[in-house]
Amino acid sequence: MHHIYHYLALAGGALFLYFISHFLRLIIRLHLSPLRSLRGPPAASFLLGNLKAMHDQANNNIIARWEAIYGPAFAYKGIFGGCRLITTDPLAISYVLTNHKKYPKPEFIRENLASMGAGQYSVLTVEGEDHDRQRKILAPAFTTSQIKSLTPIFWQKAYEVRDVWMKSIQEADAAEASRIDVCAWLSKAALDVIGLAGFGYSFDALAKDDNELASAYNVIFTTSQKFRTAAILQLWFPLLRIFRRHNTLMKHAHSILDRIGLELVEERKKEVAAELDNASRLDGKANSQAPFPANVKALPRDLLSVLIRSNLASTPSDRMNISEVLCQISTFTLAGHETTSFALTWCLYALAQSPDCQKKLRAELHTISRGSPSFDEEVANLRYLDWVVRETLRLHAPVVCTMRVAMQEDEIPVLASFTDKSGTSRSSIKVNKHDLVALPIQTVNKSSAIWGEDAHVFRPERWEKPPKEAKAIQGLYSNILTFLSGSRGCIGYKFAVTEIKIFLYALLHDLEFSIDPSIIIEKTFNVVARPSVKSEPDAGNQMPLSISLVSVLPTDS
């Protein structure tokens, strides 16, 4: 018994030393940061600073309010009074995003994304050479020609959703609008799309009331949506992560993701091996040491085929191990159905609130024939549809803020000088190693300094002649930060935009959308911005829209 107490005392002492040393190093580092010289809001508390306000930034417009007081570069308080940089300066943002090796994602952000389903070894969570290698391998799955080959899948699922909603309307009363949670249905449809388009696998989410994979993701997200002090501390003290709430539920959900990923891999591995063998024989290169046969371009380029071939490659720079492959499957399943479905949801919400814009868009949709041989190209080139998508992604970016960490002492350049605490004008921002930099995507996208006094208004017409100030935003897509920029920009943004346009055509052509004015929609941020009804906080993510048949259907030409 004496020995047991002795070992417990040693373990307790070791834990005490771990937390004290970790705490002291953190405090010293935070309080030596040059960010302390920047102006910024007072901390709500020493322990959590301004983190609670930041957690609800999708609704409270807090960063824009702080920017109006403190300028385009300021510091808010994080844990234990530490300062974190926020900048809305376009040059500073571009500098941080393009220097991704100097400014990678912080470890706690990568760990959080991994726990949300991306995994430790995905293109979303790895950095440096591993990220460059993975992105190079994945690139063929997201070329314009590859995405074009997937549009029949987009159309199929878009019309399936439309038919489900039309049936619901007809069963209720065709003369009345039927209230439908579009969020739930679009999530199912997007899951089916990424399953078929990415992996050649049918999840059948639209056809089934309950889907195992969708349920697993629901568990992961619903167990981690609320702001909790313990969750914040776990990010900074990794040892505390073993005490996470719902650990058993989360582990079970992750096991489902891994199992389904392995099933996808095993099902396709033999097919890809046969394709490679056949291509090698056709080229007369069966004994070649090259990683792939010469006519590899003729092989399927869907995401799963690309991943499997990388697992079979002989050259290290062309290879992903099985853990990496599984993490990519999980990541793109997550990104392919979560971000796209919520972007579509917010688009329908914006159009439901703007009936004139909706009518204008529908009139444009009716100008082209669904039987045209060049139908896909015509849809892609519809001007007002393009404006609607751009405006939605500007106002409703799925990710409202992203964060980076400085890996060395540096000076971040700024486009416009700013004033620090002492009243000194500054033309750059000094940072120390380990200083955190927040890049507020939503705030920059809605900046009145860039987009004018009506920046918060859904007005697609602004894209006819975007303001010259928008050119300073070096985003991957359309002078907005929604898909970021640089080598960490969203690799699948063309896939997402194409899918969104096709779904909007299929749904808006025949259906009208509106929303009860008494329903107040809020955003809940957990990896992506999710809609919820303010008066029903426990009901989870939902977007109840009233849907009716278009009263007059023009005859397609």
Protein backbone atom coordinates (compact mmCIF):
# COMPACT_ATOMS: atom_id res chain seq x y z
CA MET A 1 0.00 0.00 0.00
CA HIS A 2 2.87 2.31 0.86
CA HIS A 3 4.28 1.81 -2.65
CA ILE A 4 0.94 2.73 -4.22
CA TYR A 5 0.82 6.04 -2.31
CA HIS A 6 4.43 6.66 -3.28
CA TYR A 7 3.69 6.17 -7.00
CA LEU A 8 0.53 8.28 -6.77
CA ALA A 9 2.53 11.06 -5.13
CA LEU A 10 5.15 10.86 -7.88
CA ALA A 11 2.46 10.94 -10.57
CA GLY A 12 0.74 13.88 -8.89
CA GLY A 13 4.03 15.73 -8.60
CA ALA A 14 4.83 15.10 -12.26
CA LEU A 15 1.41 16.42 -13.29
CA PHE A 16 1.86 19.48 -11.09
CA LEU A 17 5.27 20.21 -12.65
CA TYR A 18 3.82 19.69 -16.14
CA PHE A 19 1.07 22.25 -15.63
CA ILE A 20 3.25 24.76 -13.76
CA SER A 21 6.06 24.64 -16.34
CA HIS A 22 3.59 24.79 -19.23
CA PHE A 23 1.73 27.67 -17.58
CA LEU A 24 4.88 29.69 -16.81
CA ARG A 25 6.30 29.28 -20.33
CA LEU A 26 2.96 30.35 -21.77
CA ILE A 27 2.66 33.39 -19.49
CA ILE A 28 6.22 34.56 -20.18
CA ARG A 29 5.82 34.15 -23.93
CA LEU A 30 2.48 35.93 -24.03
CA HIS A 31 3.63 38.88 -21.96
CA LEU A 32 6.85 39.46 -23.94
CA SER A 33 4.97 39.76 -27.23
CA PRO A 34 5.30 43.06 -29.16
CA LEU A 35 1.55 42.75 -29.81
CA ARG A 36 1.07 44.22 -26.32
CA SER A 37 1.96 47.61 -27.80
CA LEU A 38 -1.10 47.52 -30.07
CA ARG A 39 -4.42 49.06 -29.18
CA GLY A 40 -7.34 46.74 -28.59
CA PRO A 41 -10.42 45.95 -26.50
CA PRO A 42 -10.13 45.34 -22.76
CA ALA A 43 -10.27 41.71 -21.65
CA ALA A 44 -13.59 40.43 -20.33
CA SER A 45 -11.61 38.17 -17.97
CA PHE A 46 -7.97 37.24 -17.32
CA LEU A 47 -8.58 33.55 -17.98
CA LEU A 48 -10.45 33.80 -21.29
CA GLY A 49 -9.87 37.37 -22.43
CA ASN A 50 -12.17 38.21 -25.36
CA LEU A 51 -12.53 34.61 -26.55
CA LYS A 52 -16.25 34.34 -25.74
CA ALA A 53 -17.04 37.40 -27.89
CA MET A 54 -14.86 36.00 -30.68
CA HIS A 55 -16.68 32.67 -30.51
CA ASP A 56 -19.93 34.43 -31.48
CA GLN A 57 -18.36 36.73 -34.09
CA ALA A 58 -20.60 35.36 -36.85
CA ASN A 59 -23.57 37.09 -35.17
CA ASN A 60 -22.27 39.94 -33.02
CA ASN A 61 -20.20 41.80 -35.67
CA ILE A 62 -17.63 42.30 -32.90
CA ILE A 63 -14.52 42.50 -35.09
CA ALA A 64 -16.00 45.23 -37.31
CA ARG A 65 -16.97 47.17 -34.17
CA TRP A 66 -13.44 46.82 -32.77
CA GLU A 67 -11.96 47.80 -36.14
CA ALA A 68 -14.02 51.02 -36.13
CA ILE A 69 -12.44 51.92 -32.77
CA TYR A 70 -8.88 50.59 -33.03
CA GLY A 71 -8.14 50.57 -36.76
CA PRO A 72 -7.11 47.82 -39.22
CA ALA A 73 -4.49 46.25 -36.92
CA PHE A 74 -5.17 45.65 -33.23
CA ALA A 75 -4.83 43.03 -30.51
CA TYR A 76 -7.55 41.21 -28.64
CA LYS A 77 -6.98 39.15 -25.50
CA GLY A 78 -6.77 35.39 -25.49
CA ILE A 79 -6.10 32.97 -22.65
CA PHE A 80 -4.28 34.37 -19.56
CA GLY A 81 -4.23 37.91 -20.96
CA GLY A 82 -2.12 37.06 -24.00
CA CYS A 83 -2.46 39.30 -27.05
CA ARG A 84 -3.52 38.01 -30.47
CA LEU A 85 -3.25 40.07 -33.62
CA ILE A 86 -6.30 40.82 -35.74
CA THR A 87 -5.75 42.60 -39.02
CA THR A 88 -8.15 43.57 -41.78
CA ASP A 89 -5.35 45.23 -43.77
CA PRO A 90 -5.32 43.63 -47.28
CA LEU A 91 -1.52 43.71 -47.66
CA ALA A 92 -0.97 42.19 -44.21
CA ILE A 93 -3.49 39.42 -44.92
CA SER A 94 -1.94 38.66 -48.30
CA TYR A 95 1.55 38.55 -46.73
CA VAL A 96 0.49 36.08 -44.04
CA LEU A 97 -1.41 33.80 -46.43
CA THR A 98 1.29 33.69 -49.11
CA ASN A 99 4.11 33.07 -46.61
CA HIS A 100 2.56 29.84 -45.38
CA LYS A 101 5.81 28.39 -44.05
CA LYS A 102 6.36 31.45 -41.87
CA TYR A 103 2.69 31.44 -40.84
CA PRO A 104 1.21 27.91 -40.64
CA LYS A 105 -1.95 26.95 -38.80
CA PRO A 106 -1.40 26.75 -35.02
CA GLU A 107 -1.13 23.28 -33.52
CA PHE A 108 -4.35 23.66 -31.54
CA ILE A 109 -6.29 24.61 -34.69
CA ARG A 110 -4.90 21.61 -36.58
CA GLU A 111 -5.69 19.32 -33.66
CA ASN A 112 -9.22 20.68 -33.48
CA LEU A 113 -9.75 20.15 -37.22
CA ALA A 114 -8.38 16.63 -36.87
CA SER A 115 -10.85 15.89 -34.08
CA MET A 116 -13.68 17.27 -36.24
CA GLY A 117 -13.09 14.53 -38.79
CA ALA A 118 -10.19 15.72 -40.96
CA GLY A 119 -7.65 13.49 -39.23
CA GLN A 120 -4.02 14.19 -38.35
CA TYR A 121 -2.57 13.57 -41.81
CA SER A 122 -4.90 15.38 -44.20
CA VAL A 123 -4.13 18.26 -46.55
CA LEU A 124 -6.20 20.40 -44.16
CA THR A 125 -4.04 19.67 -41.10
CA VAL A 126 -0.46 18.97 -42.25
CA GLU A 127 2.09 21.70 -42.96
CA GLY A 128 5.34 22.23 -44.85
CA GLU A 129 6.67 19.62 -47.27
CA ASP A 130 3.93 17.12 -46.39
CA HIS A 131 1.28 19.67 -47.38
CA ASP A 132 3.06 20.54 -50.63
CA ARG A 133 3.38 16.84 -51.53
CA GLN A 134 -0.26 16.07 -50.76
CA ARG A 135 -1.57 19.07 -52.66
CA LYS A 136 0.49 18.14 -55.72
CA ILE A 137 -0.91 14.59 -55.64
CA LEU A 138 -4.50 15.80 -55.21
CA ALA A 139 -4.40 18.47 -57.94
CA PRO A 140 -5.48 16.21 -60.89
CA ALA A 141 -8.80 15.50 -59.13
CA PHE A 142 -9.76 19.19 -59.24
CA THR A 143 -8.89 20.31 -62.76
CA THR A 144 -11.53 22.10 -64.83
CA SER A 145 -11.88 19.12 -67.19
CA GLN A 146 -12.31 16.67 -64.30
CA ILE A 147 -14.99 18.83 -62.68
CA LYS A 148 -16.77 19.15 -66.03
CA SER A 149 -16.95 15.35 -66.24
CA LEU A 150 -18.75 15.28 -62.87
CA THR A 151 -21.61 17.64 -63.73
CA PRO A 152 -24.08 14.81 -64.57
CA ILE A 153 -23.81 13.75 -60.91
CA PHE A 154 -24.48 17.32 -59.76
CA TRP A 155 -27.58 17.53 -61.99
CA GLN A 156 -28.89 14.14 -60.89
CA LYS A 157 -28.79 15.02 -57.19
CA ALA A 158 -30.04 18.57 -57.71
CA TYR A 159 -33.15 17.29 -59.48
CA GLU A 160 -33.66 14.60 -56.83
CA VAL A 161 -33.86 17.34 -54.17
CA ARG A 162 -36.19 19.39 -56.34
CA ASP A 163 -38.48 16.39 -56.85
CA VAL A 164 -38.59 15.63 -53.12
CA TRP A 165 -39.59 19.22 -52.37
CA MET A 166 -42.16 19.35 -55.19
CA LYS A 167 -43.74 16.15 -53.88
CA SER A 168 -43.90 17.64 -50.38
CA ILE A 169 -45.64 20.73 -51.76
CA GLN A 170 -48.12 18.72 -53.81
CA GLU A 171 -48.98 16.42 -50.91
CA ALA A 172 -49.68 19.41 -48.66
CA ASP A 173 -51.48 21.79 -51.01
CA ALA A 174 -49.98 22.97 -54.27
CA ALA A 175 -51.63 26.35 -53.77
CA GLU A 176 -49.87 26.87 -50.43
CA ALA A 177 -46.21 27.18 -49.55
CA SER A 178 -44.76 24.19 -47.73
CA ARG A 179 -42.26 24.86 -44.92
CA ILE A 180 -39.18 22.68 -45.36
CA ASP A 181 -35.86 22.55 -43.55
CA VAL A 182 -33.68 23.04 -46.62
CA CYS A 183 -30.51 22.67 -44.56
CA ALA A 184 -31.14 18.99 -43.82
CA TRP A 185 -31.99 18.08 -47.42
CA LEU A 186 -29.10 19.98 -48.97
CA SER A 187 -26.69 18.32 -46.54
CA LYS A 188 -27.94 14.89 -47.66
CA ALA A 189 -27.69 15.84 -51.33
CA ALA A 190 -24.16 17.20 -50.98
CA LEU A 191 -23.10 14.02 -49.16
CA ASP A 192 -24.45 11.97 -52.07
CA VAL A 193 -22.60 14.22 -54.53
CA ILE A 194 -19.19 13.90 -52.88
CA GLY A 195 -19.72 10.15 -52.49
CA LEU A 196 -20.40 9.64 -56.20
CA ALA A 197 -18.17 12.37 -57.63
CA GLY A 198 -15.24 11.84 -55.31
CA PHE A 199 -15.32 8.14 -54.57
CA GLY A 200 -17.70 6.49 -57.04
CA TYR A 201 -19.72 5.38 -54.01
CA SER A 202 -23.42 5.90 -53.33
CA PHE A 203 -24.19 6.92 -49.76
CA ASP A 204 -27.92 7.12 -50.68
CA ALA A 205 -28.41 9.83 -48.06
CA LEU A 206 -31.36 11.35 -49.95
CA ALA A 207 -33.14 8.02 -50.17
CA LYS A 208 -32.64 6.99 -46.55
CA ASP A 209 -34.03 8.55 -43.39
CA ASP A 210 -30.88 7.64 -41.48
CA ASN A 211 -27.36 7.56 -42.87
CA GLU A 212 -24.51 6.13 -40.81
CA LEU A 213 -21.88 8.55 -42.09
CA ALA A 214 -24.10 11.63 -41.77
CA SER A 215 -25.01 10.53 -38.23
CA ALA A 216 -21.32 10.18 -37.33
CA TYR A 217 -20.59 13.73 -38.51
CA ASN A 218 -23.65 14.97 -36.62
CA VAL A 219 -22.27 13.45 -33.40
CA ILE A 220 -18.88 15.08 -33.98
CA PHE A 221 -20.33 18.54 -34.54
CA THR A 222 -23.14 18.57 -31.98
CA THR A 223 -20.81 17.49 -29.16
CA SER A 224 -18.50 20.46 -29.68
CA GLN A 225 -20.59 23.49 -30.66
CA LYS A 226 -20.89 25.32 -27.35
CA PHE A 227 -18.26 27.62 -25.88
CA ARG A 228 -16.72 25.87 -22.85
CA THR A 229 -13.83 26.98 -20.64
CA ALA A 230 -12.61 23.39 -20.36
CA ALA A 231 -12.45 23.07 -24.15
CA ILE A 232 -10.32 26.24 -24.38
CA LEU A 233 -7.90 24.98 -21.72
CA GLN A 234 -7.62 21.63 -23.51
CA LEU A 235 -6.33 23.42 -26.60
CA TRP A 236 -3.42 24.87 -24.64
CA PHE A 237 -2.74 21.98 -22.26
CA PRO A 238 -2.74 18.85 -24.49
CA LEU A 239 -2.72 16.47 -21.50
CA LEU A 240 -6.22 17.67 -20.61
CA ARG A 241 -7.56 16.37 -23.93
CA ILE A 242 -7.89 12.88 -22.47
CA PHE A 243 -10.68 14.29 -20.27
CA ARG A 244 -12.73 15.67 -23.15
CA ARG A 245 -16.48 15.42 -22.81
CA HIS A 246 -18.14 12.76 -24.97
CA ASN A 247 -14.78 11.09 -25.71
CA THR A 248 -16.50 7.70 -26.12
CA LEU A 249 -19.09 9.10 -28.54
CA MET A 250 -16.41 10.91 -30.54
CA LYS A 251 -14.20 7.81 -30.75
CA HIS A 252 -17.14 5.75 -32.00
CA ALA A 253 -17.96 8.39 -34.62
CA HIS A 254 -14.34 8.48 -35.79
CA SER A 255 -14.26 4.69 -36.00
CA ILE A 256 -17.22 4.86 -38.41
CA LEU A 257 -15.35 7.37 -40.60
CA ASP A 258 -12.25 5.14 -40.63
CA ARG A 259 -14.23 1.98 -41.38
CA ILE A 260 -16.13 3.54 -44.28
CA GLY A 261 -12.87 5.01 -45.60
CA LEU A 262 -11.20 1.59 -45.51
CA GLU A 263 -14.17 0.02 -47.28
CA LEU A 264 -13.90 2.62 -50.04
CA VAL A 265 -10.16 2.02 -50.38
CA GLU A 266 -10.37 -1.78 -50.50
CA GLU A 267 -13.24 -1.67 -52.98
CA ARG A 268 -11.28 0.48 -55.40
CA LYS A 269 -7.72 -0.72 -54.86
CA LYS A 270 -8.08 -3.78 -57.09
CA GLU A 271 -9.76 -1.74 -59.83
CA VAL A 272 -6.99 0.86 -59.86
CA ALA A 273 -4.26 -1.80 -59.80
CA ALA A 274 -5.91 -3.45 -62.83
CA GLU A 275 -6.16 -0.08 -64.62
CA LEU A 276 -2.46 0.60 -64.01
CA ASP A 277 -1.49 -2.87 -65.17
CA ASN A 278 -3.57 -2.56 -68.33
CA ALA A 279 -2.18 0.90 -69.11
CA SER A 280 1.37 -0.38 -68.62
CA ARG A 281 0.80 -3.24 -71.05
CA LEU A 282 -0.65 -0.89 -73.65
CA ASP A 283 2.48 1.24 -73.39
CA GLY A 284 4.80 -1.75 -73.44
CA LYS A 285 6.17 -0.64 -70.08
CA ALA A 286 5.24 -3.52 -67.82
CA ASN A 287 8.76 -3.63 -66.39
CA SER A 288 9.24 0.13 -66.16
CA GLN A 289 10.43 1.66 -62.91
CA ALA A 290 8.38 4.79 -63.55
CA PRO A 291 5.70 5.45 -60.90
CA PHE A 292 2.92 5.41 -63.51
CA PRO A 293 2.61 4.33 -67.15
CA ALA A 294 3.07 6.88 -69.91
CA ASN A 295 -0.63 7.10 -70.74
CA VAL A 296 -1.58 7.74 -67.11
CA LYS A 297 -3.68 10.71 -68.30
CA ALA A 298 -6.16 8.19 -69.68
CA LEU A 299 -6.74 6.74 -66.21
CA PRO A 300 -9.68 7.89 -64.06
CA ARG A 301 -8.97 11.10 -62.15
CA ASP A 302 -11.70 11.00 -59.54
CA LEU A 303 -10.41 11.71 -56.05
CA LEU A 304 -10.39 8.12 -54.84
CA SER A 305 -8.51 6.86 -57.92
CA VAL A 306 -5.92 9.60 -57.44
CA LEU A 307 -5.53 8.63 -53.78
CA ILE A 308 -5.23 4.90 -54.48
CA ARG A 309 -2.65 5.44 -57.22
CA SER A 310 -0.63 7.60 -54.83
CA ASN A 311 -0.68 4.75 -52.30
CA LEU A 312 0.67 2.39 -54.97
CA ALA A 313 3.33 4.79 -56.30
CA SER A 314 7.00 3.85 -56.02
CA THR A 315 8.35 7.41 -55.91
CA PRO A 316 8.13 9.00 -52.41
CA SER A 317 7.10 12.41 -53.80
CA ASP A 318 4.11 10.75 -55.54
CA ARG A 319 3.04 8.58 -52.61
CA MET A 320 0.59 8.80 -49.73
CA ASN A 321 0.52 6.13 -47.05
CA ILE A 322 -2.76 4.52 -46.04
CA SER A 323 -3.20 6.81 -43.01
CA GLU A 324 -2.90 9.85 -45.27
CA VAL A 325 -5.30 8.35 -47.81
CA LEU A 326 -7.93 7.72 -45.13
CA CYS A 327 -7.54 11.26 -43.80
CA GLN A 328 -8.07 12.72 -47.30
CA ILE A 329 -11.25 10.67 -47.71
CA SER A 330 -12.56 11.94 -44.38
CA THR A 331 -11.49 15.53 -45.11
CA PHE A 332 -13.07 15.75 -48.55
CA THR A 333 -16.23 14.01 -47.40
CA LEU A 334 -16.45 16.63 -44.67
CA ALA A 335 -15.52 19.59 -46.87
CA GLY A 336 -17.45 18.35 -49.88
CA HIS A 337 -20.78 18.11 -48.12
CA GLU A 338 -20.53 20.47 -45.14
CA THR A 339 -19.19 23.63 -46.78
CA THR A 340 -21.14 23.27 -50.03
CA SER A 341 -24.46 22.38 -48.43
CA PHE A 342 -24.29 25.31 -46.01
CA ALA A 343 -23.22 27.70 -48.77
CA LEU A 344 -26.29 26.59 -50.75
CA THR A 345 -28.45 26.94 -47.65
CA TRP A 346 -27.29 30.52 -47.09
CA CYS A 347 -27.85 31.30 -50.77
CA LEU A 348 -31.48 30.15 -50.64
CA TYR A 349 -31.90 32.14 -47.42
CA ALA A 350 -30.54 35.29 -49.08
CA LEU A 351 -32.83 34.83 -52.08
CA ALA A 352 -35.82 34.10 -49.82
CA GLN A 353 -35.19 37.46 -48.14
CA SER A 354 -34.75 39.20 -51.51
CA PRO A 355 -37.76 38.30 -53.69
CA ASP A 356 -36.81 40.81 -56.40
CA CYS A 357 -33.35 39.25 -56.77
CA GLN A 358 -34.96 35.82 -56.83
CA LYS A 359 -37.35 36.82 -59.63
CA LYS A 360 -34.53 38.39 -61.61
CA LEU A 361 -32.44 35.23 -61.28
CA ARG A 362 -35.33 32.97 -62.25
CA ALA A 363 -36.02 35.05 -65.34
CA GLU A 364 -32.40 34.58 -66.40
CA LEU A 365 -32.56 30.83 -65.76
CA HIS A 366 -35.55 30.58 -68.09
CA THR A 367 -33.58 32.12 -70.97
CA ILE A 368 -31.66 28.90 -71.67
CA SER A 369 -32.91 25.50 -72.72
CA ARG A 370 -32.28 22.40 -70.65
CA GLY A 371 -31.94 20.40 -73.87
CA SER A 372 -29.07 22.43 -75.30
CA PRO A 373 -25.84 20.49 -76.06
CA SER A 374 -23.85 23.31 -74.43
CA PHE A 375 -26.19 23.55 -71.44
CA ASP A 376 -23.48 23.19 -68.76
CA GLU A 377 -21.41 25.98 -70.31
CA GLU A 378 -24.48 28.19 -70.65
CA VAL A 379 -25.34 27.73 -66.96
CA ALA A 380 -21.74 28.44 -65.94
CA ASN A 381 -21.81 31.67 -67.95
CA LEU A 382 -25.15 33.04 -66.71
CA ARG A 383 -24.20 36.50 -65.52
CA TYR A 384 -26.76 37.13 -62.79
CA LEU A 385 -26.40 33.58 -61.45
CA ASP A 386 -22.66 34.21 -61.16
CA TRP A 387 -23.31 37.47 -59.29
CA VAL A 388 -25.71 35.73 -56.89
CA VAL A 389 -23.12 33.05 -56.07
CA ARG A 390 -20.35 35.62 -55.57
CA GLU A 391 -22.55 37.78 -53.37
CA THR A 392 -23.64 34.81 -51.26
CA LEU A 393 -20.06 33.66 -50.75
CA ARG A 394 -19.08 37.22 -49.85
CA LEU A 395 -21.78 37.64 -47.21
CA HIS A 396 -21.94 34.04 -45.98
CA ALA A 397 -18.43 32.62 -46.06
CA PRO A 398 -18.61 29.09 -44.60
CA VAL A 399 -15.48 29.82 -42.53
CA VAL A 400 -15.78 33.22 -40.80
CA CYS A 401 -12.22 33.50 -39.48
CA THR A 402 -8.93 31.64 -39.79
CA MET A 403 -5.80 31.74 -37.68
CA ARG A 404 -2.06 31.48 -38.25
CA VAL A 405 0.97 31.39 -35.94
CA ALA A 406 4.30 33.16 -36.52
CA MET A 407 7.22 30.73 -36.70
CA GLN A 408 9.85 33.47 -36.34
CA GLU A 409 10.26 37.12 -35.45
CA ASP A 410 8.90 39.14 -38.33
CA GLU A 411 7.46 42.45 -39.47
CA ILE A 412 4.19 42.19 -41.36
CA PRO A 413 3.78 44.98 -43.96
CA VAL A 414 0.54 46.98 -44.06
CA LEU A 415 -1.19 48.92 -46.81
CA ALA A 416 -2.28 51.72 -44.48
CA SER A 417 -0.39 52.96 -41.42
CA PHE A 418 -2.04 52.65 -38.02
CA THR A 419 -1.59 54.03 -34.51
CA ASP A 420 -0.37 51.99 -31.54
CA LYS A 421 -1.08 52.44 -27.82
CA SER A 422 1.51 55.20 -27.45
CA GLY A 423 0.05 57.17 -30.35
CA THR A 424 2.95 56.28 -32.65
CA SER A 425 2.15 55.77 -36.34
CA ARG A 426 3.25 52.31 -37.52
CA SER A 427 3.87 51.05 -41.07
CA SER A 428 4.36 47.38 -40.12
CA ILE A 429 3.30 44.95 -37.41
CA LYS A 430 6.04 43.35 -35.30
CA VAL A 431 5.44 39.76 -34.18
CA ASN A 432 7.44 37.27 -32.14
CA LYS A 433 7.72 33.55 -32.71
CA HIS A 434 4.50 31.81 -31.51
CA ASP A 435 2.38 35.00 -31.79
CA LEU A 436 -1.12 34.27 -33.12
CA VAL A 437 -2.61 36.10 -36.11
CA ALA A 438 -6.38 36.08 -36.72
CA LEU A 439 -7.56 36.74 -40.28
CA PRO A 440 -11.26 37.73 -40.11
CA ILE A 441 -12.68 36.47 -43.41
CA GLN A 442 -16.27 37.55 -42.74
CA THR A 443 -15.28 41.04 -41.55
CA VAL A 444 -13.09 41.73 -44.60
CA ASN A 445 -15.76 40.36 -46.96
CA LYS A 446 -18.30 42.76 -45.42
CA SER A 447 -15.99 45.76 -45.04
CA SER A 448 -17.74 49.05 -45.80
CA ALA A 449 -14.31 50.53 -46.63
CA ILE A 450 -14.16 48.10 -49.56
CA TRP A 451 -17.78 47.46 -50.54
CA GLY A 452 -19.45 50.73 -49.53
CA GLU A 453 -22.08 51.64 -46.96
CA ASP A 454 -24.38 48.81 -48.07
CA ALA A 455 -21.66 46.17 -47.59
CA HIS A 456 -23.95 44.13 -45.30
CA VAL A 457 -26.76 44.08 -47.88
CA PHE A 458 -27.33 41.23 -50.33
CA ARG A 459 -27.02 43.06 -53.66
CA PRO A 460 -25.75 40.86 -56.51
CA GLU A 461 -25.69 43.85 -58.89
CA ARG A 462 -22.57 45.18 -57.14
CA TRP A 463 -20.60 42.57 -59.11
CA GLU A 464 -21.38 44.31 -62.41
CA LYS A 465 -18.73 46.86 -61.46
CA PRO A 466 -16.88 45.85 -58.27
CA PRO A 467 -15.24 48.75 -56.39
CA LYS A 468 -11.57 49.36 -57.16
CA GLU A 469 -10.80 48.86 -53.45
CA ALA A 470 -11.70 45.17 -53.83
CA LYS A 471 -8.66 44.61 -56.06
CA ALA A 472 -6.47 44.80 -52.94
CA ILE A 473 -8.05 41.55 -51.69
CA GLN A 474 -5.97 38.84 -53.32
CA GLY A 475 -8.47 36.06 -52.74
CA LEU A 476 -8.45 32.82 -54.68
CA TYR A 477 -11.97 33.61 -55.93
CA SER A 478 -13.43 36.94 -56.94
CA ASN A 479 -11.61 39.43 -54.64
CA ILE A 480 -13.10 37.89 -51.51
CA LEU A 481 -11.40 35.84 -48.79
CA THR A 482 -13.95 33.03 -48.70
CA PHE A 483 -11.60 30.47 -50.28
CA LEU A 484 -8.45 32.22 -48.93
CA SER A 485 -5.39 32.51 -51.21
CA GLY A 486 -1.90 31.17 -51.71
CA SER A 487 -0.93 27.52 -51.44
CA ARG A 488 -3.37 27.04 -48.54
CA GLY A 489 -6.30 28.26 -50.62
CA CYS A 490 -9.22 25.86 -51.05
CA ILE A 491 -8.19 23.24 -53.62
CA GLY A 492 -11.82 22.33 -54.35
CA TYR A 493 -13.32 25.79 -54.84
CA LYS A 494 -14.14 25.24 -58.54
CA PHE A 495 -15.89 21.99 -57.62
CA ALA A 496 -17.97 23.86 -55.01
CA VAL A 497 -18.89 26.82 -57.25
CA THR A 498 -19.93 24.51 -60.12
CA GLU A 499 -22.07 22.40 -57.80
CA ILE A 500 -23.72 25.47 -56.25
CA LYS A 501 -24.65 26.94 -59.65
CA ILE A 502 -26.17 23.69 -60.89
CA PHE A 503 -28.24 23.22 -57.73
CA LEU A 504 -29.48 26.82 -57.90
CA TYR A 505 -30.58 26.35 -61.51
CA ALA A 506 -32.44 23.13 -60.75
CA LEU A 507 -34.17 24.48 -57.63
CA LEU A 508 -34.92 28.10 -58.61
CA HIS A 509 -36.20 27.23 -62.08
CA ASP A 510 -39.35 25.59 -60.72
CA LEU A 511 -39.60 26.62 -57.06
CA GLU A 512 -40.10 29.87 -55.16
CA PHE A 513 -38.55 30.43 -51.73
CA SER A 514 -39.62 32.73 -48.91
CA ILE A 515 -39.19 32.92 -45.15
CA ASP A 516 -41.56 33.80 -42.32
CA PRO A 517 -40.48 37.30 -41.17
CA SER A 518 -40.93 36.24 -37.53
CA ILE A 519 -38.16 33.62 -37.86
CA ILE A 520 -34.75 35.00 -36.87
CA ILE A 521 -31.83 33.00 -38.21
CA GLU A 522 -28.49 33.01 -36.37
CA LYS A 523 -25.12 31.51 -37.24
CA THR A 524 -23.51 28.82 -35.12
CA PHE A 525 -19.84 28.40 -35.95
CA ASN A 526 -18.27 24.97 -35.71
CA VAL A 527 -15.73 24.52 -38.50
CA VAL A 528 -18.31 26.18 -40.79
CA ALA A 529 -21.10 28.72 -40.22
CA ARG A 530 -24.35 26.82 -39.63
CA PRO A 531 -27.87 28.27 -39.47
CA SER A 532 -30.12 27.92 -36.45
CA VAL A 533 -33.41 29.49 -35.38
CA LYS A 534 -32.82 31.95 -32.54
CA SER A 535 -36.02 30.99 -30.71
CA GLU A 536 -35.16 27.27 -30.94
CA PRO A 537 -31.53 27.01 -29.69
CA ASP A 538 -31.87 23.33 -28.80
CA ALA A 539 -33.28 22.31 -32.19
CA GLY A 540 -29.84 22.26 -33.81
CA ASN A 541 -28.98 23.41 -37.30
CA GLN A 542 -31.98 24.24 -39.46
CA MET A 543 -33.18 26.62 -42.14
CA PRO A 544 -36.99 26.50 -42.40
CA LEU A 545 -38.00 28.10 -45.69
CA SER A 546 -41.44 28.29 -47.26
CA ILE A 547 -41.36 26.69 -50.71
CA SER A 548 -44.01 26.84 -53.41
CA LEU A 549 -44.28 26.01 -57.09
CA VAL A 550 -43.43 28.82 -59.50
CA SER A 551 -46.82 30.30 -60.38
CA VAL A 552 -46.07 30.69 -64.10
CA LEU A 553 -43.53 28.45 -65.80
CA PRO A 554 -42.31 29.99 -69.07
CA THR A 555 -41.83 27.49 -71.85
CA ASP A 556 -38.13 26.74 -72.33
CA SER A 557 -36.89 27.73 -75.74
